[in-house]
N, C-alpha and C. Protein backbone atom coordinates (compact mmCIF):
# COMPACT_ATOMS: atom_id res chain seq x y z
N MET A 1 78.17 99.61 108.61
CA MET A 1 76.77 99.19 108.61
C MET A 1 76.13 99.50 109.96
N THR A 2 74.88 99.93 109.95
CA THR A 2 74.15 100.20 111.19
C THR A 2 73.26 99.01 111.53
N LEU A 3 73.36 98.49 112.75
CA LEU A 3 72.56 97.34 113.19
C LEU A 3 71.49 97.80 114.16
N ASP A 4 70.42 98.16 113.73
CA ASP A 4 69.20 98.59 114.37
C ASP A 4 69.19 98.99 115.84
N PHE A 5 70.16 99.84 116.21
CA PHE A 5 70.12 100.41 117.55
C PHE A 5 69.45 101.78 117.53
N ASN A 6 68.84 102.10 116.39
CA ASN A 6 68.08 103.35 116.25
C ASN A 6 68.96 104.59 116.48
N ASP A 7 70.17 104.52 116.01
CA ASP A 7 71.05 105.68 116.04
C ASP A 7 71.93 105.60 114.79
N ASP A 8 72.88 106.51 114.70
CA ASP A 8 73.65 106.57 113.46
C ASP A 8 75.04 105.96 113.60
N ARG A 9 75.28 105.18 114.66
CA ARG A 9 76.59 104.56 114.81
C ARG A 9 76.77 103.42 113.81
N THR A 10 77.97 103.26 113.33
CA THR A 10 78.27 102.23 112.34
C THR A 10 79.12 101.15 112.98
N TYR A 11 78.77 99.90 112.69
CA TYR A 11 79.48 98.76 113.26
C TYR A 11 80.23 98.04 112.15
N THR A 12 81.55 98.09 112.21
CA THR A 12 82.37 97.38 111.25
C THR A 12 82.49 95.92 111.67
N LYS A 13 83.09 95.13 110.82
CA LYS A 13 83.29 93.71 111.13
C LYS A 13 84.12 93.57 112.40
N ASP A 14 85.20 94.33 112.51
CA ASP A 14 86.07 94.22 113.69
C ASP A 14 85.33 94.60 114.97
N VAL A 15 84.54 95.67 114.91
CA VAL A 15 83.79 96.10 116.09
C VAL A 15 82.76 95.04 116.47
N ALA A 16 82.09 94.48 115.48
CA ALA A 16 81.08 93.46 115.75
C ALA A 16 81.71 92.24 116.40
N LEU A 17 82.85 91.79 115.90
CA LEU A 17 83.50 90.60 116.45
C LEU A 17 84.03 90.85 117.87
N LYS A 18 84.38 92.08 118.17
CA LYS A 18 84.85 92.39 119.52
C LYS A 18 83.71 92.45 120.53
N ASN A 19 82.48 92.59 120.05
CA ASN A 19 81.34 92.79 120.96
C ASN A 19 80.25 91.74 120.82
N VAL A 20 80.51 90.70 120.06
CA VAL A 20 79.50 89.66 119.89
C VAL A 20 79.60 88.65 121.03
N ARG A 21 78.46 88.11 121.44
CA ARG A 21 78.43 87.07 122.48
C ARG A 21 77.34 86.07 122.15
N TYR A 22 77.38 84.96 122.87
CA TYR A 22 76.28 83.99 122.81
C TYR A 22 75.18 84.42 123.77
N ALA A 23 73.94 84.11 123.42
CA ALA A 23 72.81 84.30 124.32
C ALA A 23 71.82 83.18 124.06
N LEU A 24 71.05 82.83 125.09
CA LEU A 24 70.03 81.79 124.96
C LEU A 24 68.65 82.43 124.87
N PHE A 25 67.82 81.88 123.98
CA PHE A 25 66.48 82.40 123.77
C PHE A 25 65.48 81.26 123.62
N ASP A 26 64.22 81.61 123.80
CA ASP A 26 63.12 80.72 123.46
C ASP A 26 63.03 80.70 121.94
N PRO A 27 63.11 79.53 121.31
CA PRO A 27 63.10 79.49 119.84
C PRO A 27 61.84 80.11 119.23
N LYS A 28 60.74 80.09 119.97
CA LYS A 28 59.49 80.65 119.44
C LYS A 28 59.55 82.17 119.38
N LYS A 29 60.53 82.79 120.05
CA LYS A 29 60.61 84.25 120.08
C LYS A 29 61.53 84.82 119.01
N LEU A 30 62.22 83.96 118.26
CA LEU A 30 63.18 84.44 117.27
C LEU A 30 62.65 84.32 115.85
N ARG A 31 63.08 85.23 115.01
CA ARG A 31 62.73 85.16 113.59
C ARG A 31 63.49 84.02 112.92
N ASP A 32 63.00 83.59 111.79
CA ASP A 32 63.62 82.48 111.08
C ASP A 32 65.00 82.83 110.53
N ASP A 33 65.28 84.12 110.32
CA ASP A 33 66.56 84.49 109.72
C ASP A 33 67.67 84.70 110.75
N VAL A 34 67.38 84.47 112.03
CA VAL A 34 68.40 84.60 113.07
C VAL A 34 69.35 83.42 112.99
N VAL A 35 70.64 83.71 113.10
CA VAL A 35 71.65 82.66 113.07
C VAL A 35 71.69 82.01 114.45
N SER A 36 71.30 80.73 114.54
CA SER A 36 71.16 80.09 115.84
C SER A 36 71.39 78.60 115.75
N ALA A 37 71.51 77.96 116.92
CA ALA A 37 71.66 76.51 116.99
C ALA A 37 70.91 76.02 118.22
N GLU A 38 70.39 74.81 118.15
CA GLU A 38 69.64 74.24 119.26
C GLU A 38 70.55 74.02 120.47
N PHE A 39 70.01 74.30 121.65
CA PHE A 39 70.69 74.00 122.91
C PHE A 39 69.61 73.54 123.88
N LEU A 40 69.57 72.21 124.14
CA LEU A 40 68.48 71.62 124.90
C LEU A 40 67.15 72.02 124.22
N ASP A 41 66.19 72.60 124.96
CA ASP A 41 64.95 73.03 124.31
C ASP A 41 64.98 74.52 123.99
N MET A 42 66.16 75.12 124.07
CA MET A 42 66.35 76.54 123.78
C MET A 42 67.17 76.67 122.49
N VAL A 43 67.52 77.91 122.14
CA VAL A 43 68.45 78.12 121.04
C VAL A 43 69.52 79.10 121.48
N ALA A 44 70.73 78.85 121.00
CA ALA A 44 71.84 79.78 121.22
C ALA A 44 71.97 80.65 119.97
N ALA A 45 71.99 81.96 120.17
CA ALA A 45 72.10 82.90 119.06
C ALA A 45 73.24 83.87 119.35
N PHE A 46 73.65 84.58 118.33
CA PHE A 46 74.70 85.59 118.48
C PHE A 46 74.04 86.96 118.72
N VAL A 47 74.58 87.71 119.66
CA VAL A 47 74.07 89.06 119.92
C VAL A 47 75.24 90.05 119.91
N LEU A 48 74.97 91.21 119.37
CA LEU A 48 75.94 92.31 119.40
C LEU A 48 75.63 93.17 120.61
N MET A 49 76.57 93.26 121.55
CA MET A 49 76.37 94.07 122.73
C MET A 49 76.78 95.51 122.45
N ASP A 50 76.02 96.44 123.03
CA ASP A 50 76.27 97.87 122.85
C ASP A 50 76.36 98.51 124.24
N HIS A 51 77.52 99.12 124.54
CA HIS A 51 77.74 99.75 125.84
C HIS A 51 77.97 101.25 125.70
N PHE A 52 77.38 101.85 124.66
CA PHE A 52 77.55 103.29 124.49
C PHE A 52 77.08 104.05 125.72
N ASP A 53 75.95 103.63 126.27
CA ASP A 53 75.47 104.15 127.55
C ASP A 53 75.76 103.08 128.61
N PRO A 54 76.78 103.27 129.47
CA PRO A 54 77.16 102.22 130.43
C PRO A 54 76.05 101.87 131.41
N ASN A 55 75.09 102.76 131.60
CA ASN A 55 73.98 102.49 132.51
C ASN A 55 72.82 101.78 131.83
N ARG A 56 72.93 101.60 130.53
CA ARG A 56 71.83 100.97 129.79
C ARG A 56 72.39 100.12 128.64
N PRO A 57 73.03 99.01 128.98
CA PRO A 57 73.55 98.13 127.93
C PRO A 57 72.41 97.63 127.05
N ARG A 58 72.68 97.53 125.77
CA ARG A 58 71.68 97.05 124.84
C ARG A 58 72.26 95.92 124.00
N TYR A 59 71.40 95.22 123.30
CA TYR A 59 71.91 94.16 122.44
C TYR A 59 71.05 94.08 121.19
N LYS A 60 71.66 93.54 120.15
CA LYS A 60 70.97 93.33 118.88
C LYS A 60 71.21 91.89 118.46
N ILE A 61 70.16 91.13 118.21
CA ILE A 61 70.30 89.75 117.77
C ILE A 61 70.76 89.75 116.31
N ILE A 62 71.83 89.05 116.03
CA ILE A 62 72.43 89.05 114.70
C ILE A 62 71.69 88.07 113.78
N ASP A 63 71.33 88.55 112.60
CA ASP A 63 70.63 87.70 111.64
C ASP A 63 71.50 87.45 110.42
N ALA A 64 70.97 86.72 109.47
CA ALA A 64 71.73 86.34 108.28
C ALA A 64 72.15 87.55 107.45
N VAL A 65 71.27 88.56 107.40
CA VAL A 65 71.61 89.77 106.64
C VAL A 65 72.82 90.47 107.25
N ASP A 66 72.87 90.53 108.59
CA ASP A 66 74.02 91.14 109.26
C ASP A 66 75.30 90.38 108.93
N MET A 67 75.23 89.06 108.94
CA MET A 67 76.41 88.24 108.65
C MET A 67 76.95 88.53 107.25
N VAL A 68 76.05 88.61 106.29
CA VAL A 68 76.47 88.88 104.91
C VAL A 68 76.98 90.31 104.76
N SER A 69 76.27 91.27 105.35
CA SER A 69 76.64 92.68 105.21
C SER A 69 78.01 92.96 105.80
N LEU A 70 78.31 92.29 106.91
CA LEU A 70 79.60 92.50 107.57
C LEU A 70 80.67 91.52 107.11
N ASP A 71 80.31 90.62 106.21
CA ASP A 71 81.24 89.62 105.68
C ASP A 71 81.87 88.79 106.81
N ILE A 72 81.01 88.32 107.72
CA ILE A 72 81.47 87.51 108.84
C ILE A 72 81.16 86.05 108.57
N LYS A 73 82.19 85.21 108.66
CA LYS A 73 82.00 83.77 108.48
C LYS A 73 81.54 83.14 109.80
N LEU A 74 80.84 81.99 109.68
CA LEU A 74 80.29 81.35 110.86
C LEU A 74 81.38 80.98 111.87
N ASN A 75 82.49 80.43 111.40
CA ASN A 75 83.56 80.05 112.34
C ASN A 75 84.16 81.27 113.03
N GLU A 76 84.18 82.40 112.34
CA GLU A 76 84.72 83.62 112.94
C GLU A 76 83.83 84.11 114.08
N ILE A 77 82.53 84.14 113.84
CA ILE A 77 81.64 84.67 114.87
C ILE A 77 81.51 83.69 116.04
N MET A 78 81.58 82.39 115.76
CA MET A 78 81.55 81.40 116.85
C MET A 78 82.75 81.56 117.77
N ASP A 79 83.93 81.68 117.18
CA ASP A 79 85.15 81.83 117.98
C ASP A 79 85.12 83.14 118.78
N ALA A 80 84.67 84.22 118.13
CA ALA A 80 84.64 85.52 118.79
C ALA A 80 83.63 85.53 119.94
N ALA A 81 82.43 84.98 119.71
CA ALA A 81 81.41 84.96 120.75
C ALA A 81 81.87 84.14 121.96
N ASN A 82 82.49 83.01 121.70
CA ASN A 82 82.99 82.16 122.78
C ASN A 82 84.07 82.88 123.58
N GLU A 83 84.99 83.50 122.88
CA GLU A 83 86.08 84.21 123.55
C GLU A 83 85.55 85.38 124.36
N ASN A 84 84.61 86.13 123.82
CA ASN A 84 84.07 87.28 124.53
C ASN A 84 83.27 86.88 125.76
N CYS A 85 82.50 85.78 125.65
CA CYS A 85 81.76 85.29 126.82
C CYS A 85 82.71 84.88 127.93
N LYS A 86 83.78 84.21 127.56
CA LYS A 86 84.77 83.80 128.56
C LYS A 86 85.47 85.00 129.18
N LYS A 87 85.72 86.01 128.37
CA LYS A 87 86.41 87.21 128.87
C LYS A 87 85.54 87.97 129.87
N VAL A 88 84.27 88.14 129.55
CA VAL A 88 83.34 88.83 130.45
C VAL A 88 83.10 87.98 131.69
N GLY A 89 82.94 86.67 131.48
CA GLY A 89 82.76 85.75 132.59
C GLY A 89 81.34 85.70 133.13
N TYR A 90 81.13 84.80 134.10
CA TYR A 90 79.83 84.61 134.74
C TYR A 90 80.04 84.50 136.24
N ARG A 91 78.94 84.61 136.97
CA ARG A 91 79.01 84.48 138.43
C ARG A 91 77.84 83.65 138.93
N ILE A 92 78.11 82.88 139.97
CA ILE A 92 77.03 82.20 140.70
C ILE A 92 77.13 82.65 142.14
N MET A 93 76.06 83.20 142.68
CA MET A 93 76.09 83.74 144.03
C MET A 93 74.83 83.35 144.78
N PRO A 94 74.88 83.28 146.10
CA PRO A 94 73.66 83.02 146.87
C PRO A 94 72.60 84.06 146.57
N MET A 95 71.35 83.64 146.60
CA MET A 95 70.25 84.54 146.28
C MET A 95 70.27 85.80 147.13
N GLU A 96 70.53 85.65 148.44
CA GLU A 96 70.51 86.83 149.31
C GLU A 96 71.61 87.82 148.93
N ASP A 97 72.75 87.32 148.46
CA ASP A 97 73.83 88.22 148.02
C ASP A 97 73.43 88.94 146.74
N ALA A 98 72.75 88.23 145.84
CA ALA A 98 72.32 88.85 144.60
C ALA A 98 71.33 89.98 144.86
N ILE A 99 70.39 89.74 145.80
CA ILE A 99 69.42 90.78 146.14
C ILE A 99 70.10 91.96 146.82
N SER A 100 71.02 91.67 147.73
CA SER A 100 71.73 92.73 148.44
C SER A 100 72.54 93.58 147.48
N GLU A 101 73.10 92.95 146.47
CA GLU A 101 73.91 93.67 145.49
C GLU A 101 73.07 94.69 144.73
N ILE A 102 71.83 94.33 144.46
CA ILE A 102 70.93 95.23 143.73
C ILE A 102 70.37 96.33 144.63
N THR A 103 69.95 95.94 145.83
CA THR A 103 69.26 96.89 146.72
C THR A 103 70.19 97.67 147.63
N GLY A 104 71.39 97.11 147.87
CA GLY A 104 72.29 97.74 148.82
C GLY A 104 71.91 97.47 150.26
N ILE A 105 70.98 96.55 150.47
CA ILE A 105 70.52 96.22 151.81
C ILE A 105 70.87 94.76 152.11
N ALA A 106 71.45 94.51 153.26
CA ALA A 106 71.80 93.14 153.65
C ALA A 106 70.53 92.33 153.84
N ILE A 107 70.47 91.17 153.19
CA ILE A 107 69.30 90.32 153.25
C ILE A 107 69.65 89.03 154.00
N PRO A 108 68.99 88.75 155.12
CA PRO A 108 69.26 87.49 155.83
C PRO A 108 68.69 86.31 155.05
N SER A 109 69.33 85.18 155.18
CA SER A 109 68.86 83.99 154.49
C SER A 109 67.84 83.26 155.36
N ASP A 110 66.59 83.18 154.90
CA ASP A 110 65.57 82.46 155.64
C ASP A 110 64.87 81.42 154.76
N ALA A 111 65.50 81.10 153.61
CA ALA A 111 64.92 80.11 152.70
C ALA A 111 65.08 78.71 153.30
N PRO A 112 64.16 77.81 152.98
CA PRO A 112 64.25 76.44 153.51
C PRO A 112 65.41 75.65 152.91
N TYR A 113 65.96 76.13 151.81
CA TYR A 113 67.12 75.47 151.19
C TYR A 113 67.92 76.53 150.45
N PRO A 114 69.21 76.29 150.21
CA PRO A 114 70.03 77.29 149.51
C PRO A 114 69.54 77.52 148.09
N MET A 115 69.56 78.77 147.66
CA MET A 115 69.25 79.13 146.28
C MET A 115 70.38 80.01 145.76
N TYR A 116 70.73 79.81 144.51
CA TYR A 116 71.82 80.55 143.90
C TYR A 116 71.34 81.20 142.60
N VAL A 117 71.98 82.31 142.24
CA VAL A 117 71.68 83.00 140.99
C VAL A 117 72.90 82.91 140.10
N GLY A 118 72.70 82.48 138.86
CA GLY A 118 73.78 82.42 137.89
C GLY A 118 73.53 83.42 136.77
N THR A 119 74.50 84.30 136.52
CA THR A 119 74.36 85.31 135.48
C THR A 119 75.74 85.85 135.14
N ASN A 120 75.81 86.90 134.34
CA ASN A 120 77.08 87.55 134.07
C ASN A 120 77.17 88.85 134.88
N PRO A 121 78.33 89.50 134.93
CA PRO A 121 78.46 90.70 135.76
C PRO A 121 77.47 91.81 135.40
N GLU A 122 77.05 91.88 134.13
CA GLU A 122 76.13 92.93 133.71
C GLU A 122 74.66 92.56 133.95
N ARG A 123 74.42 91.28 134.23
CA ARG A 123 73.04 90.76 134.38
C ARG A 123 72.23 90.98 133.12
N ILE A 124 72.88 90.91 131.98
CA ILE A 124 72.23 91.02 130.68
C ILE A 124 72.52 89.75 129.90
N LEU A 125 71.48 88.99 129.56
CA LEU A 125 71.63 87.75 128.79
C LEU A 125 72.54 86.75 129.50
N GLY A 126 72.49 86.76 130.83
CA GLY A 126 73.38 85.92 131.61
C GLY A 126 72.96 84.46 131.72
N ALA A 127 71.76 84.10 131.21
CA ALA A 127 71.36 82.70 131.24
C ALA A 127 72.27 81.83 130.38
N SER A 128 73.06 82.45 129.52
CA SER A 128 74.02 81.70 128.70
C SER A 128 75.11 81.05 129.54
N ILE A 129 75.12 81.28 130.84
CA ILE A 129 76.02 80.55 131.72
C ILE A 129 75.82 79.04 131.57
N LEU A 130 74.62 78.62 131.16
CA LEU A 130 74.34 77.20 130.98
C LEU A 130 75.23 76.57 129.91
N MET A 131 75.79 77.38 129.04
CA MET A 131 76.65 76.86 127.98
C MET A 131 78.08 76.65 128.46
N TYR A 132 78.39 77.08 129.68
CA TYR A 132 79.76 77.01 130.19
C TYR A 132 79.78 76.16 131.45
N GLU A 133 80.00 74.88 131.25
CA GLU A 133 79.83 73.87 132.29
C GLU A 133 80.74 74.07 133.49
N THR A 134 81.86 74.71 133.31
CA THR A 134 82.82 74.83 134.41
C THR A 134 82.24 75.55 135.62
N TYR A 135 81.35 76.53 135.39
CA TYR A 135 80.74 77.25 136.52
C TYR A 135 79.80 76.34 137.29
N LEU A 136 79.04 75.52 136.57
CA LEU A 136 78.15 74.57 137.22
C LEU A 136 78.95 73.51 137.96
N GLU A 137 80.02 73.07 137.34
CA GLU A 137 80.88 72.06 137.97
C GLU A 137 81.45 72.58 139.28
N ASP A 138 81.91 73.81 139.28
CA ASP A 138 82.50 74.39 140.50
C ASP A 138 81.48 74.47 141.63
N LEU A 139 80.24 74.90 141.31
CA LEU A 139 79.22 74.99 142.35
C LEU A 139 78.85 73.60 142.86
N ALA A 140 78.67 72.66 141.95
CA ALA A 140 78.31 71.30 142.35
C ALA A 140 79.38 70.69 143.26
N ALA A 141 80.63 70.95 142.95
CA ALA A 141 81.72 70.45 143.79
C ALA A 141 81.71 71.14 145.16
N GLN A 142 81.42 72.43 145.15
CA GLN A 142 81.40 73.21 146.40
C GLN A 142 80.32 72.72 147.35
N ILE A 143 79.13 72.44 146.82
CA ILE A 143 78.02 72.05 147.69
C ILE A 143 77.86 70.53 147.76
N GLU A 144 78.69 69.82 147.00
CA GLU A 144 78.68 68.35 146.99
C GLU A 144 77.29 67.81 146.68
N ASP A 145 76.73 68.30 145.59
CA ASP A 145 75.38 67.88 145.20
C ASP A 145 75.22 68.13 143.71
N ASP A 146 74.28 67.40 143.09
CA ASP A 146 73.87 67.72 141.73
C ASP A 146 73.01 68.98 141.78
N LEU A 147 72.73 69.54 140.61
CA LEU A 147 72.05 70.83 140.56
C LEU A 147 70.72 70.74 139.83
N CYS A 148 69.74 71.44 140.34
CA CYS A 148 68.45 71.65 139.66
C CYS A 148 68.44 73.12 139.24
N ILE A 149 68.30 73.37 137.94
CA ILE A 149 68.49 74.71 137.39
C ILE A 149 67.20 75.20 136.75
N ALA A 150 66.74 76.38 137.16
CA ALA A 150 65.50 76.96 136.64
C ALA A 150 65.82 78.28 135.94
N PRO A 151 65.50 78.42 134.66
CA PRO A 151 65.72 79.69 133.97
C PRO A 151 64.68 80.71 134.39
N SER A 152 65.07 81.77 135.08
CA SER A 152 64.10 82.78 135.49
C SER A 152 63.85 83.80 134.39
N SER A 153 64.76 83.88 133.40
CA SER A 153 64.58 84.74 132.23
C SER A 153 65.79 84.51 131.33
N ILE A 154 65.86 85.23 130.22
CA ILE A 154 67.04 85.14 129.37
C ILE A 154 68.27 85.74 130.05
N HIS A 155 68.05 86.43 131.18
CA HIS A 155 69.15 87.14 131.83
C HIS A 155 69.81 86.37 132.98
N GLU A 156 69.11 85.39 133.57
CA GLU A 156 69.71 84.69 134.70
C GLU A 156 69.00 83.36 134.92
N VAL A 157 69.68 82.51 135.70
CA VAL A 157 69.07 81.23 136.10
C VAL A 157 69.14 81.11 137.61
N LEU A 158 68.20 80.35 138.17
CA LEU A 158 68.21 80.03 139.59
C LEU A 158 68.68 78.59 139.74
N ILE A 159 69.49 78.34 140.75
CA ILE A 159 70.10 77.02 140.92
C ILE A 159 69.85 76.52 142.34
N PHE A 160 69.45 75.24 142.45
CA PHE A 160 69.14 74.63 143.73
C PHE A 160 69.92 73.32 143.88
N PRO A 161 70.31 72.94 145.11
CA PRO A 161 70.86 71.60 145.32
C PRO A 161 69.77 70.58 145.00
N LEU A 162 70.05 69.66 144.11
CA LEU A 162 69.02 68.74 143.63
C LEU A 162 68.44 67.89 144.75
N SER A 163 69.26 67.50 145.71
CA SER A 163 68.78 66.60 146.76
C SER A 163 67.81 67.29 147.73
N LEU A 164 67.73 68.62 147.66
CA LEU A 164 66.90 69.36 148.63
C LEU A 164 65.59 69.88 148.04
N VAL A 165 65.37 69.66 146.76
CA VAL A 165 64.15 70.19 146.14
C VAL A 165 63.41 69.10 145.38
N GLN A 166 62.14 69.36 145.12
CA GLN A 166 61.33 68.50 144.27
C GLN A 166 61.25 69.16 142.89
N PRO A 167 61.86 68.57 141.89
CA PRO A 167 61.84 69.19 140.56
C PRO A 167 60.45 69.53 140.06
N SER A 168 59.46 68.71 140.41
CA SER A 168 58.09 69.01 139.97
C SER A 168 57.62 70.35 140.52
N LYS A 169 58.01 70.66 141.75
CA LYS A 169 57.62 71.93 142.36
C LYS A 169 58.36 73.10 141.70
N ILE A 170 59.63 72.87 141.37
CA ILE A 170 60.40 73.93 140.71
C ILE A 170 59.82 74.23 139.33
N ILE A 171 59.43 73.19 138.60
CA ILE A 171 58.80 73.39 137.30
C ILE A 171 57.52 74.20 137.44
N GLU A 172 56.75 73.88 138.45
CA GLU A 172 55.51 74.61 138.70
C GLU A 172 55.79 76.09 138.96
N ILE A 173 56.81 76.37 139.75
CA ILE A 173 57.18 77.76 140.06
C ILE A 173 57.64 78.48 138.80
N VAL A 174 58.48 77.83 138.00
CA VAL A 174 59.00 78.44 136.78
C VAL A 174 57.85 78.82 135.84
N ARG A 175 56.91 77.91 135.67
CA ARG A 175 55.80 78.18 134.75
C ARG A 175 54.91 79.31 135.27
N ASP A 176 54.71 79.36 136.58
CA ASP A 176 53.89 80.42 137.15
C ASP A 176 54.57 81.78 137.00
N VAL A 177 55.88 81.82 137.27
CA VAL A 177 56.63 83.07 137.14
C VAL A 177 56.63 83.53 135.69
N ASN A 178 56.81 82.61 134.76
CA ASN A 178 56.80 82.99 133.35
C ASN A 178 55.47 83.58 132.92
N ARG A 179 54.39 83.08 133.50
CA ARG A 179 53.06 83.58 133.15
C ARG A 179 52.75 84.94 133.77
N THR A 180 53.28 85.19 134.97
CA THR A 180 52.83 86.35 135.73
C THR A 180 53.87 87.45 135.92
N VAL A 181 55.15 87.14 135.79
CA VAL A 181 56.19 88.11 136.13
C VAL A 181 57.09 88.47 134.95
N VAL A 182 57.58 87.47 134.26
CA VAL A 182 58.59 87.69 133.21
C VAL A 182 57.95 88.33 131.98
N LEU A 183 58.61 89.33 131.42
CA LEU A 183 58.14 89.93 130.18
C LEU A 183 58.18 88.89 129.07
N PRO A 184 57.19 88.89 128.18
CA PRO A 184 57.14 87.86 127.13
C PRO A 184 58.44 87.73 126.33
N GLN A 185 59.06 88.87 126.02
CA GLN A 185 60.27 88.83 125.20
C GLN A 185 61.49 88.35 126.00
N GLU A 186 61.35 88.27 127.33
CA GLU A 186 62.47 87.84 128.16
C GLU A 186 62.29 86.42 128.71
N LYS A 187 61.17 85.79 128.37
CA LYS A 187 60.95 84.41 128.80
C LYS A 187 61.93 83.50 128.07
N LEU A 188 62.51 82.55 128.80
CA LEU A 188 63.46 81.62 128.19
C LEU A 188 62.85 80.24 128.00
N SER A 189 62.37 79.62 129.09
CA SER A 189 61.85 78.27 128.98
C SER A 189 60.98 77.95 130.20
N ASP A 190 60.02 77.06 130.01
CA ASP A 190 59.21 76.55 131.11
C ASP A 190 59.85 75.29 131.72
N SER A 191 60.99 74.91 131.22
CA SER A 191 61.63 73.67 131.65
C SER A 191 62.56 73.89 132.84
N VAL A 192 62.97 72.76 133.43
CA VAL A 192 63.99 72.75 134.46
C VAL A 192 65.10 71.82 133.98
N TYR A 193 66.33 72.11 134.37
CA TYR A 193 67.47 71.35 133.88
C TYR A 193 68.24 70.74 135.05
N ILE A 194 68.85 69.61 134.79
CA ILE A 194 69.61 68.89 135.81
C ILE A 194 71.07 68.83 135.40
N TYR A 195 71.95 69.20 136.33
CA TYR A 195 73.38 69.04 136.10
C TYR A 195 73.88 67.93 137.02
N ARG A 196 74.47 66.90 136.41
CA ARG A 196 74.97 65.75 137.15
C ARG A 196 76.50 65.84 137.28
N ARG A 197 76.96 65.76 138.52
CA ARG A 197 78.40 65.80 138.75
C ARG A 197 79.11 64.61 138.12
N GLY A 198 78.48 63.45 138.21
CA GLY A 198 79.15 62.24 137.74
C GLY A 198 79.44 62.23 136.26
N THR A 199 78.55 62.82 135.48
CA THR A 199 78.71 62.81 134.03
C THR A 199 79.14 64.16 133.47
N HIS A 200 79.16 65.18 134.31
CA HIS A 200 79.50 66.55 133.87
C HIS A 200 78.59 66.97 132.71
N ALA A 201 77.31 66.66 132.84
CA ALA A 201 76.38 66.94 131.75
C ALA A 201 75.14 67.64 132.27
N ILE A 202 74.60 68.50 131.42
CA ILE A 202 73.34 69.18 131.74
C ILE A 202 72.28 68.68 130.77
N SER A 203 71.09 68.43 131.29
CA SER A 203 70.02 67.93 130.44
C SER A 203 68.68 68.45 130.95
N GLN A 204 67.69 68.35 130.09
CA GLN A 204 66.34 68.78 130.45
C GLN A 204 65.70 67.74 131.36
N ALA A 205 65.04 68.18 132.42
CA ALA A 205 64.39 67.27 133.34
C ALA A 205 63.07 66.80 132.75
N THR A 206 62.78 65.53 132.92
CA THR A 206 61.51 64.95 132.49
C THR A 206 60.85 64.30 133.68
N LEU A 207 59.64 64.72 133.98
CA LEU A 207 58.90 64.14 135.09
C LEU A 207 58.11 62.94 134.61
N LYS A 208 58.12 61.88 135.41
CA LYS A 208 57.40 60.66 135.03
C LYS A 208 55.89 60.88 135.00
N ASN A 209 55.40 61.72 135.92
CA ASN A 209 54.00 62.10 135.91
C ASN A 209 53.89 63.42 136.67
N PRO A 210 52.78 64.13 136.59
CA PRO A 210 52.68 65.46 137.20
C PRO A 210 52.94 65.49 138.68
N ASP A 211 52.73 64.36 139.38
CA ASP A 211 52.92 64.36 140.83
C ASP A 211 54.28 63.81 141.24
N ASP A 212 55.11 63.47 140.24
CA ASP A 212 56.39 62.85 140.54
C ASP A 212 57.39 63.90 141.02
N SER A 213 58.19 63.58 142.01
CA SER A 213 59.18 64.52 142.52
C SER A 213 60.57 64.15 142.06
N THR A 214 60.71 63.14 141.24
CA THR A 214 62.02 62.77 140.70
C THR A 214 62.07 63.14 139.24
N CYS A 215 63.26 63.22 138.68
CA CYS A 215 63.38 63.56 137.26
C CYS A 215 64.41 62.68 136.59
N GLU A 216 64.20 62.50 135.32
CA GLU A 216 65.13 61.73 134.51
C GLU A 216 65.84 62.67 133.57
N GLN A 217 66.98 62.23 133.04
CA GLN A 217 67.72 63.05 132.10
C GLN A 217 67.36 62.70 130.68
N ASN A 218 67.16 63.73 129.84
CA ASN A 218 67.02 63.55 128.40
C ASN A 218 68.37 63.82 127.78
N ASP A 219 69.02 62.84 127.29
CA ASP A 219 70.35 63.03 126.72
C ASP A 219 70.25 63.54 125.29
């Protein structure tokens, strides 16, 4: 079966299961027939990754028709996506290191507080790191702080030490970036998320009022 990569390659069930992963999306951006589940105010969906051109990885969001055509059961694709995400892995790195990696130029850190980027090695659909708590736990333990997490797109998240930032300001930045910088199809959420070391849980931040700099957890 061909899954809309606009070429004549055929994807069998085995090939699909070897290349399927989880990805997070804005629920308003997905069709109703996409196989997905709620995750906070986002949705987790299955995507088929395509690396035919190593310099231009592509993905196809799997829908119900694909599942039936390839005779893939829900438990099969869930297990395969989880295993593949773990195999590829994720990374959290200081912002200046992430920029240097892309540009090849050493960037000095002059930010008023540490900022980190969380994504996968390919930087494609890497915001799904939010589904794998161990990476957040490791960073929180390293910096000895809870985390304030801002989705910059479906491909990556920005992470801040919670004690050093005002969540209301981070929400304002996220919303402005989504309006002016992020492509509509790559927008993930206008929300900010809090990871608490004590409970090992991630939740959506709720501000008590627009001027409030503290946030509560929505369980």
